[in-house]
Amino acid sequence: LEAAREALAYAATNASSRSLIFVKTPDEKTSETEAAKAVLTRFVTRAFRRPPREAELERLLALFQAATAQGDSFEPAITYTLQAVLVSPQFLFLVEQPNFTAEPQPLSSYELATRLSYFLWCSGPDDTLLKLAAEDKLTNGRVLQEQTLRMLRDKKSVRFAEDFVGQWLGTRPLG
């Protein structure tokens, strides 16, 4: 959690990181609430590995509005709200929809993207996987194969091999 807070603080001062988080800021055409909604929607989609539900977004916007009502300007209020996202169980854990039937249920596109990315990269889905999940294309066998190959060619896939072998064979203590 402390690392996530430090990352937010860094993003507030680093221009390229800042532009990834602050995708919208208030101006003459955009209210603070509209800008906050845009920032939160993008951030929560990455953090929760799926788009936010309407009720989740409403709770976060209420938190943002409470901070601004207490006198915080846009950036401190949105940063406070983003910290709430980072302590949410939806961020901290891989939460999937429960199956209340005796029959197996297919994974959602977002669940598939998440499982694939954590399996091959040991990290959350990238923009490409999230876009394909939003378009419900990941369940197409050809698209899934293409994405798997793309991910295996990426340097992040080395983490999978190192972590898997290190844990499976117990080689981590050897250095």
Protein backbone atom coordinates (compact mmCIF):
# COMPACT_ATOMS: atom_id res chain seq x y z
CA LEU A 1 0.00 0.00 0.00
CA GLU A 2 2.82 2.38 0.83
CA ALA A 3 4.40 1.63 -2.54
CA ALA A 4 1.13 2.48 -4.27
CA ARG A 5 0.94 5.79 -2.42
CA GLU A 6 4.52 6.55 -3.39
CA ALA A 7 3.66 5.75 -7.01
CA LEU A 8 0.78 8.24 -6.88
CA ALA A 9 3.07 10.89 -5.39
CA TYR A 10 5.64 10.21 -8.12
CA ALA A 11 2.96 10.41 -10.81
CA ALA A 12 1.90 13.80 -9.50
CA THR A 13 5.35 15.19 -10.32
CA ASN A 14 6.43 13.06 -13.32
CA ALA A 15 4.87 14.43 -16.53
CA SER A 16 4.55 11.14 -18.44
CA SER A 17 3.13 9.25 -15.42
CA ARG A 18 0.88 12.18 -14.64
CA SER A 19 -0.66 12.14 -18.10
CA LEU A 20 -1.51 8.44 -17.69
CA ILE A 21 -3.47 9.13 -14.51
CA PHE A 22 -4.84 12.64 -15.05
CA VAL A 23 -6.49 11.91 -18.39
CA LYS A 24 -8.84 14.85 -17.87
CA THR A 25 -8.64 18.01 -15.79
CA PRO A 26 -11.30 20.60 -15.08
CA ASP A 27 -11.46 23.55 -17.44
CA GLU A 28 -14.07 25.90 -18.93
CA LYS A 29 -15.79 23.00 -20.71
CA THR A 30 -15.26 20.25 -18.11
CA SER A 31 -16.51 20.38 -14.52
CA GLU A 32 -14.49 18.95 -11.66
CA THR A 33 -16.96 16.06 -11.34
CA GLU A 34 -16.76 15.25 -15.06
CA ALA A 35 -12.97 15.32 -14.96
CA ALA A 36 -12.95 13.17 -11.81
CA LYS A 37 -15.28 10.66 -13.47
CA ALA A 38 -12.96 10.37 -16.48
CA VAL A 39 -9.87 9.96 -14.28
CA LEU A 40 -11.58 7.43 -12.04
CA THR A 41 -13.03 5.40 -14.89
CA ARG A 42 -9.62 4.90 -16.49
CA PHE A 43 -7.80 4.34 -13.19
CA VAL A 44 -10.38 1.91 -11.80
CA THR A 45 -10.47 -0.05 -15.06
CA ARG A 46 -6.72 -0.65 -14.76
CA ALA A 47 -6.76 -1.20 -10.98
CA PHE A 48 -9.77 -3.54 -10.89
CA ARG A 49 -8.83 -5.15 -14.24
CA ARG A 50 -12.35 -4.40 -15.48
CA PRO A 51 -14.53 -1.31 -15.92
CA PRO A 52 -16.04 0.04 -12.71
CA ARG A 53 -19.64 -0.78 -11.92
CA GLU A 54 -21.92 2.24 -11.75
CA ALA A 55 -22.36 1.90 -7.96
CA GLU A 56 -18.58 1.72 -7.47
CA LEU A 57 -18.06 4.84 -9.56
CA GLU A 58 -20.83 6.68 -7.68
CA ARG A 59 -19.22 5.85 -4.29
CA LEU A 60 -15.84 7.07 -5.51
CA LEU A 61 -17.33 10.26 -6.93
CA ALA A 62 -19.11 10.85 -3.59
CA LEU A 63 -15.74 10.50 -1.85
CA PHE A 64 -14.20 12.97 -4.33
CA GLN A 65 -17.05 15.42 -3.79
CA ALA A 66 -16.74 15.11 0.00
CA ALA A 67 -13.05 16.01 -0.28
CA THR A 68 -13.79 19.04 -2.46
CA ALA A 69 -16.60 20.08 -0.10
CA GLN A 70 -14.02 20.18 2.70
CA GLY A 71 -11.92 22.59 0.66
CA ASP A 72 -9.55 20.32 -1.28
CA SER A 73 -8.76 21.41 -4.81
CA PHE A 74 -9.13 18.95 -7.70
CA GLU A 75 -5.73 17.22 -7.46
CA PRO A 76 -5.65 16.52 -3.71
CA ALA A 77 -9.29 15.38 -3.84
CA ILE A 78 -8.74 13.02 -6.77
CA THR A 79 -5.49 11.72 -5.25
CA TYR A 80 -7.36 10.96 -2.03
CA THR A 81 -10.01 9.12 -4.05
CA LEU A 82 -7.39 7.15 -6.00
CA GLN A 83 -5.90 6.02 -2.69
CA ALA A 84 -9.33 4.61 -1.80
CA VAL A 85 -9.19 2.56 -5.00
CA LEU A 86 -5.78 1.20 -3.98
CA VAL A 87 -7.10 -0.14 -0.66
CA SER A 88 -10.18 -1.72 -2.22
CA PRO A 89 -10.45 -5.53 -2.19
CA GLN A 90 -11.20 -5.28 -5.92
CA PHE A 91 -7.64 -4.01 -6.40
CA LEU A 92 -5.89 -6.07 -3.75
CA PHE A 93 -7.40 -9.43 -4.73
CA LEU A 94 -8.34 -11.18 -7.95
CA VAL A 95 -12.11 -11.12 -7.52
CA GLU A 96 -14.21 -13.14 -9.95
CA GLN A 97 -17.97 -13.46 -10.14
CA PRO A 98 -19.15 -16.38 -8.02
CA ASN A 99 -20.84 -19.34 -9.65
CA PHE A 100 -23.96 -20.27 -7.71
CA THR A 101 -24.84 -23.20 -9.95
CA ALA A 102 -23.52 -26.75 -10.13
CA GLU A 103 -22.62 -26.21 -13.79
CA PRO A 104 -19.28 -24.75 -14.87
CA GLN A 105 -19.50 -21.18 -16.11
CA PRO A 106 -17.22 -19.58 -18.68
CA LEU A 107 -14.94 -16.78 -17.56
CA SER A 108 -15.89 -13.26 -18.54
CA SER A 109 -13.60 -11.57 -21.05
CA TYR A 110 -12.09 -9.46 -18.26
CA GLU A 111 -11.51 -12.51 -16.06
CA LEU A 112 -9.83 -14.26 -18.98
CA ALA A 113 -7.63 -11.23 -19.69
CA THR A 114 -6.66 -11.06 -16.02
CA ARG A 115 -5.86 -14.76 -15.69
CA LEU A 116 -3.84 -14.71 -18.91
CA SER A 117 -1.82 -11.64 -17.93
CA TYR A 118 -1.04 -12.83 -14.41
CA PHE A 119 -0.12 -16.28 -15.71
CA LEU A 120 2.21 -15.07 -18.47
CA TRP A 121 3.39 -11.70 -17.12
CA CYS A 122 2.83 -11.78 -13.35
CA SER A 123 1.04 -8.45 -13.73
CA GLY A 124 -2.32 -7.01 -14.72
CA PRO A 125 -3.68 -6.82 -18.25
CA ASP A 126 -2.31 -4.14 -20.56
CA ASP A 127 -4.39 -1.77 -22.66
CA THR A 128 -4.52 -4.23 -25.57
CA LEU A 129 -5.99 -7.03 -23.43
CA LEU A 130 -8.44 -4.65 -21.76
CA LYS A 131 -9.56 -3.33 -25.15
CA LEU A 132 -10.10 -6.86 -26.47
CA ALA A 133 -11.97 -7.79 -23.29
CA ALA A 134 -14.21 -4.73 -23.69
CA GLU A 135 -14.95 -5.80 -27.26
CA ASP A 136 -15.54 -9.39 -26.03
CA LYS A 137 -13.01 -10.68 -28.57
CA LEU A 138 -10.72 -12.60 -26.22
CA THR A 139 -13.01 -15.61 -26.20
CA ASN A 140 -12.32 -16.03 -29.92
CA GLY A 141 -9.74 -18.83 -30.17
CA ARG A 142 -7.69 -17.12 -32.89
CA VAL A 143 -7.55 -13.82 -31.00
CA LEU A 144 -6.65 -15.62 -27.77
CA GLN A 145 -3.83 -17.48 -29.52
CA GLU A 146 -2.51 -14.25 -31.10
CA GLN A 147 -2.53 -12.49 -27.74
CA THR A 148 -0.85 -15.41 -26.00
CA LEU A 149 1.95 -15.38 -28.57
CA ARG A 150 2.25 -11.58 -28.33
CA MET A 151 2.56 -11.82 -24.57
CA LEU A 152 5.12 -14.62 -24.72
CA ARG A 153 7.28 -12.51 -27.05
CA ASP A 154 7.19 -9.63 -24.57
CA LYS A 155 10.08 -9.31 -22.12
CA LYS A 156 7.59 -9.40 -19.21
CA SER A 157 7.09 -13.13 -19.85
CA VAL A 158 10.56 -13.79 -18.40
CA ARG A 159 9.11 -13.02 -14.95
CA PHE A 160 6.75 -15.97 -15.34
CA ALA A 161 9.59 -18.38 -16.06
CA GLU A 162 11.73 -17.07 -13.21
CA ASP A 163 8.90 -17.02 -10.68
CA PHE A 164 7.44 -20.37 -11.70
CA VAL A 165 10.75 -22.23 -11.65
CA GLY A 166 11.87 -20.45 -8.48
CA GLN A 167 8.72 -21.42 -6.63
CA TRP A 168 8.19 -24.88 -8.16
CA LEU A 169 11.76 -26.12 -7.78
CA GLY A 170 12.54 -24.08 -4.70
CA THR A 171 15.56 -22.40 -6.32
CA ARG A 172 14.90 -18.92 -4.88
CA PRO A 173 16.98 -19.52 -1.74
CA LEU A 174 19.93 -20.46 -3.94
CA GLY A 175 20.16 -16.96 -5.37
